[in-house]
């Protein structure tokens, strides 16, 4: 069963790597924010996989990632970043 966790963690790391490329090269703030959300979700998935393999302290780290990703999305929308970019696209 431990091999399954290793393979699943590797796949999640690959998707996070693709999201990191999008985060660095994204043309708009919205693209970067969605990539940051993907990184947060990937971090949560890795931590939950670690919890499934016996590392129980990783659950606290996963919850912290979830909160940080949610706060980042709220901060972007409250700052008006989404509204300004949408007006420029029209």
N, C-alpha and C. Protein backbone atom coordinates (compact mmCIF):
# COMPACT_ATOMS: atom_id res chain seq x y z
N UNK A 1 0.82 -1.20 0.00
CA UNK A 1 0.00 0.00 0.00
C UNK A 1 0.86 1.26 0.00
N UNK A 2 2.04 1.17 0.60
CA UNK A 2 2.92 2.32 0.64
C UNK A 2 3.37 2.74 -0.77
N UNK A 3 3.49 1.79 -1.68
CA UNK A 3 3.88 2.12 -3.05
C UNK A 3 2.82 2.97 -3.73
N UNK A 4 1.55 2.68 -3.43
CA UNK A 4 0.47 3.49 -3.98
C UNK A 4 0.61 4.94 -3.54
N UNK A 5 0.92 5.17 -2.28
CA UNK A 5 1.08 6.53 -1.78
C UNK A 5 2.26 7.23 -2.45
N UNK A 6 3.33 6.50 -2.70
CA UNK A 6 4.48 7.10 -3.37
C UNK A 6 4.14 7.50 -4.81
N UNK A 7 3.43 6.64 -5.52
CA UNK A 7 3.04 6.94 -6.91
C UNK A 7 2.06 8.11 -6.94
N UNK A 8 1.08 8.10 -6.05
CA UNK A 8 0.10 9.19 -6.01
C UNK A 8 0.77 10.51 -5.67
N UNK A 9 1.71 10.48 -4.74
CA UNK A 9 2.44 11.70 -4.39
C UNK A 9 3.26 12.21 -5.56
N UNK A 10 3.87 11.31 -6.31
CA UNK A 10 4.64 11.71 -7.50
C UNK A 10 3.76 12.36 -8.55
N UNK A 11 2.58 11.83 -8.77
CA UNK A 11 1.66 12.41 -9.75
C UNK A 11 1.21 13.80 -9.30
N UNK A 12 0.91 13.95 -8.02
CA UNK A 12 0.50 15.26 -7.52
C UNK A 12 1.65 16.26 -7.66
N UNK A 13 2.88 15.82 -7.37
CA UNK A 13 4.02 16.71 -7.53
C UNK A 13 4.19 17.15 -8.99
N UNK A 14 3.92 16.27 -9.94
CA UNK A 14 4.02 16.65 -11.35
C UNK A 14 2.99 17.71 -11.71
N UNK A 15 1.76 17.56 -11.23
CA UNK A 15 0.75 18.57 -11.53
C UNK A 15 1.08 19.90 -10.85
N UNK A 16 1.67 19.84 -9.67
CA UNK A 16 2.08 21.07 -8.99
C UNK A 16 3.21 21.74 -9.77
N UNK A 17 4.11 20.96 -10.35
CA UNK A 17 5.20 21.53 -11.15
C UNK A 17 4.65 22.25 -12.38
N UNK A 18 3.65 21.67 -13.02
CA UNK A 18 3.02 22.32 -14.16
C UNK A 18 2.33 23.61 -13.72
N UNK A 19 1.69 23.58 -12.56
CA UNK A 19 1.06 24.78 -12.03
C UNK A 19 2.08 25.86 -11.69
N UNK A 20 3.26 25.45 -11.23
CA UNK A 20 4.30 26.42 -10.92
C UNK A 20 4.79 27.13 -12.18
N UNK A 21 4.88 26.41 -13.28
CA UNK A 21 5.26 27.03 -14.55
C UNK A 21 4.21 28.06 -14.95
N UNK A 22 2.94 27.72 -14.78
CA UNK A 22 1.87 28.65 -15.12
C UNK A 22 1.87 29.86 -14.19
N UNK A 23 2.23 29.62 -12.94
CA UNK A 23 2.31 30.71 -11.98
C UNK A 23 3.38 31.71 -12.37
N UNK A 24 4.50 31.22 -12.85
CA UNK A 24 5.60 32.10 -13.22
C UNK A 24 5.39 32.78 -14.57
N UNK A 25 4.73 32.10 -15.51
CA UNK A 25 4.60 32.61 -16.88
C UNK A 25 3.21 33.13 -17.22
N UNK A 26 2.27 33.04 -16.28
CA UNK A 26 0.89 33.43 -16.58
C UNK A 26 0.79 34.87 -17.04
N UNK A 27 0.05 35.12 -18.11
CA UNK A 27 0.00 36.49 -18.63
C UNK A 27 -0.86 37.43 -17.77
N UNK A 28 -1.84 36.90 -17.06
CA UNK A 28 -2.73 37.76 -16.27
C UNK A 28 -2.69 37.35 -14.80
N UNK A 29 -3.15 38.26 -13.96
CA UNK A 29 -3.21 37.97 -12.53
C UNK A 29 -4.18 36.83 -12.22
N UNK A 30 -5.24 36.73 -13.00
CA UNK A 30 -6.22 35.67 -12.78
C UNK A 30 -5.59 34.31 -13.03
N UNK A 31 -4.78 34.20 -14.07
CA UNK A 31 -4.09 32.95 -14.36
C UNK A 31 -3.14 32.59 -13.23
N UNK A 32 -2.45 33.57 -12.73
CA UNK A 32 -1.53 33.33 -11.62
C UNK A 32 -2.28 32.92 -10.36
N UNK A 33 -3.44 33.52 -10.12
CA UNK A 33 -4.20 33.17 -8.92
C UNK A 33 -4.72 31.73 -9.01
N UNK A 34 -5.17 31.33 -10.18
CA UNK A 34 -5.65 29.96 -10.34
C UNK A 34 -4.51 28.97 -10.19
N UNK A 35 -3.32 29.33 -10.65
CA UNK A 35 -2.16 28.45 -10.46
C UNK A 35 -1.80 28.37 -8.99
N UNK A 36 -1.92 29.48 -8.27
CA UNK A 36 -1.64 29.46 -6.83
C UNK A 36 -2.66 28.58 -6.11
N UNK A 37 -3.90 28.59 -6.55
CA UNK A 37 -4.91 27.71 -5.97
C UNK A 37 -4.57 26.25 -6.24
N UNK A 38 -4.05 25.97 -7.44
CA UNK A 38 -3.62 24.61 -7.76
C UNK A 38 -2.47 24.18 -6.87
N UNK A 39 -1.53 25.08 -6.62
CA UNK A 39 -0.42 24.76 -5.73
C UNK A 39 -0.91 24.48 -4.32
N UNK A 40 -1.88 25.26 -3.86
CA UNK A 40 -2.45 25.02 -2.53
C UNK A 40 -3.14 23.67 -2.46
N UNK A 41 -3.90 23.35 -3.50
CA UNK A 41 -4.59 22.06 -3.53
C UNK A 41 -3.60 20.90 -3.62
N UNK A 42 -2.55 21.09 -4.38
CA UNK A 42 -1.52 20.05 -4.48
C UNK A 42 -0.81 19.83 -3.16
N UNK A 43 -0.54 20.92 -2.46
CA UNK A 43 0.07 20.79 -1.14
C UNK A 43 -0.82 20.06 -0.17
N UNK A 44 -2.10 20.34 -0.24
CA UNK A 44 -3.06 19.64 0.62
C UNK A 44 -3.09 18.16 0.28
N UNK A 45 -3.10 17.84 -1.01
CA UNK A 45 -3.14 16.43 -1.41
C UNK A 45 -1.91 15.68 -0.95
N UNK A 46 -0.75 16.30 -1.07
CA UNK A 46 0.48 15.64 -0.63
C UNK A 46 0.45 15.41 0.87
N UNK A 47 -0.01 16.39 1.60
CA UNK A 47 -0.06 16.24 3.05
C UNK A 47 -1.07 15.17 3.48
N UNK A 48 -2.19 15.10 2.79
CA UNK A 48 -3.17 14.06 3.12
C UNK A 48 -2.66 12.68 2.75
N UNK A 49 -1.89 12.59 1.66
CA UNK A 49 -1.27 11.31 1.33
C UNK A 49 -0.24 10.93 2.38
N UNK A 50 0.46 11.91 2.90
CA UNK A 50 1.42 11.63 3.97
C UNK A 50 0.69 11.16 5.23
N UNK A 51 -0.46 11.74 5.49
CA UNK A 51 -1.26 11.31 6.64
C UNK A 51 -1.71 9.86 6.45
N UNK A 52 -2.10 9.51 5.23
CA UNK A 52 -2.52 8.14 4.95
C UNK A 52 -1.39 7.14 5.09
N UNK A 53 -0.16 7.60 4.93
CA UNK A 53 0.96 6.68 5.06
C UNK A 53 1.53 6.65 6.48
N UNK A 54 0.89 7.37 7.39
CA UNK A 54 1.29 7.25 8.79
C UNK A 54 1.87 8.50 9.42
N UNK A 55 2.03 9.58 8.69
CA UNK A 55 2.57 10.81 9.26
C UNK A 55 1.38 11.68 9.68
N UNK A 56 1.00 11.60 10.94
CA UNK A 56 -0.22 12.26 11.38
C UNK A 56 -0.07 13.77 11.54
N UNK A 57 1.12 14.28 11.75
CA UNK A 57 1.31 15.72 11.91
C UNK A 57 1.08 16.46 10.60
N UNK A 58 1.10 15.76 9.48
CA UNK A 58 0.92 16.40 8.18
C UNK A 58 -0.50 16.93 8.00
N UNK A 59 -1.45 16.44 8.76
CA UNK A 59 -2.81 16.93 8.65
C UNK A 59 -2.89 18.41 9.04
N UNK A 60 -2.16 18.83 10.05
CA UNK A 60 -2.13 20.23 10.44
C UNK A 60 -1.55 21.11 9.33
N UNK A 61 -0.53 20.61 8.67
CA UNK A 61 0.08 21.36 7.58
C UNK A 61 -0.89 21.46 6.41
N UNK A 62 -1.64 20.40 6.13
CA UNK A 62 -2.62 20.43 5.05
C UNK A 62 -3.71 21.45 5.33
N UNK A 63 -4.17 21.53 6.56
CA UNK A 63 -5.18 22.52 6.91
C UNK A 63 -4.64 23.94 6.79
N UNK A 64 -3.38 24.13 7.11
CA UNK A 64 -2.75 25.45 6.96
C UNK A 64 -2.67 25.84 5.49
N UNK A 65 -2.29 24.89 4.63
CA UNK A 65 -2.28 25.16 3.19
C UNK A 65 -3.66 25.55 2.69
N UNK A 66 -4.68 24.86 3.16
CA UNK A 66 -6.05 25.17 2.73
C UNK A 66 -6.43 26.59 3.13
N UNK A 67 -6.11 26.99 4.35
CA UNK A 67 -6.42 28.34 4.79
C UNK A 67 -5.66 29.39 4.00
N UNK A 68 -4.38 29.15 3.75
CA UNK A 68 -3.58 30.12 3.01
C UNK A 68 -4.07 30.29 1.57
N UNK A 69 -4.45 29.20 0.93
CA UNK A 69 -4.96 29.28 -0.44
C UNK A 69 -6.28 30.05 -0.48
N UNK A 70 -7.14 29.82 0.49
CA UNK A 70 -8.42 30.55 0.54
C UNK A 70 -8.19 32.03 0.82
N UNK A 71 -7.30 32.36 1.73
CA UNK A 71 -7.01 33.76 2.04
C UNK A 71 -6.38 34.48 0.85
N UNK A 72 -5.57 33.79 0.08
CA UNK A 72 -4.96 34.40 -1.10
C UNK A 72 -6.01 34.75 -2.14
N UNK A 73 -6.98 33.88 -2.34
CA UNK A 73 -8.05 34.16 -3.30
C UNK A 73 -8.91 35.33 -2.83
N UNK A 74 -9.21 35.37 -1.55
CA UNK A 74 -10.00 36.48 -1.01
C UNK A 74 -9.23 37.79 -1.13
N UNK A 75 -7.95 37.76 -0.86
CA UNK A 75 -7.14 38.98 -0.95
C UNK A 75 -7.10 39.52 -2.37
N UNK A 76 -7.00 38.64 -3.36
CA UNK A 76 -6.97 39.11 -4.75
C UNK A 76 -8.30 39.72 -5.15
N UNK A 77 -9.38 39.09 -4.79
CA UNK A 77 -10.68 39.62 -5.18
C UNK A 77 -11.01 40.91 -4.42
N UNK A 78 -10.61 40.99 -3.16
CA UNK A 78 -10.87 42.21 -2.39
C UNK A 78 -10.03 43.39 -2.89
N UNK A 79 -8.87 43.11 -3.43
CA UNK A 79 -8.02 44.19 -3.92
C UNK A 79 -8.50 44.74 -5.26
N UNK A 80 -9.45 44.06 -5.88
CA UNK A 80 -9.96 44.52 -7.16
C UNK A 80 -9.16 44.03 -8.33
N UNK A 81 -8.23 43.11 -8.12
CA UNK A 81 -7.40 42.61 -9.20
C UNK A 81 -8.21 41.93 -10.29
N UNK A 82 -9.22 41.19 -9.90
CA UNK A 82 -10.04 40.51 -10.90
C UNK A 82 -10.88 41.50 -11.68
N UNK A 83 -11.45 42.49 -11.01
CA UNK A 83 -12.33 43.44 -11.67
C UNK A 83 -11.56 44.28 -12.68
N UNK A 84 -10.36 44.75 -12.31
CA UNK A 84 -9.58 45.56 -13.23
C UNK A 84 -9.18 44.80 -14.48
N UNK A 85 -8.76 43.56 -14.31
CA UNK A 85 -8.33 42.76 -15.46
C UNK A 85 -9.49 42.42 -16.36
N UNK A 86 -10.66 42.18 -15.80
CA UNK A 86 -11.83 41.86 -16.62
C UNK A 86 -12.25 43.07 -17.43
N UNK A 87 -12.15 44.28 -16.85
CA UNK A 87 -12.48 45.48 -17.59
C UNK A 87 -11.52 45.72 -18.74
N UNK A 88 -10.24 45.38 -18.54
CA UNK A 88 -9.26 45.53 -19.60
C UNK A 88 -9.51 44.55 -20.74
N UNK A 89 -10.02 43.35 -20.40
CA UNK A 89 -10.27 42.34 -21.42
C UNK A 89 -11.46 42.71 -22.30
N UNK A 90 -12.36 43.51 -21.80
CA UNK A 90 -13.56 43.90 -22.58
C UNK A 90 -13.18 44.93 -23.58
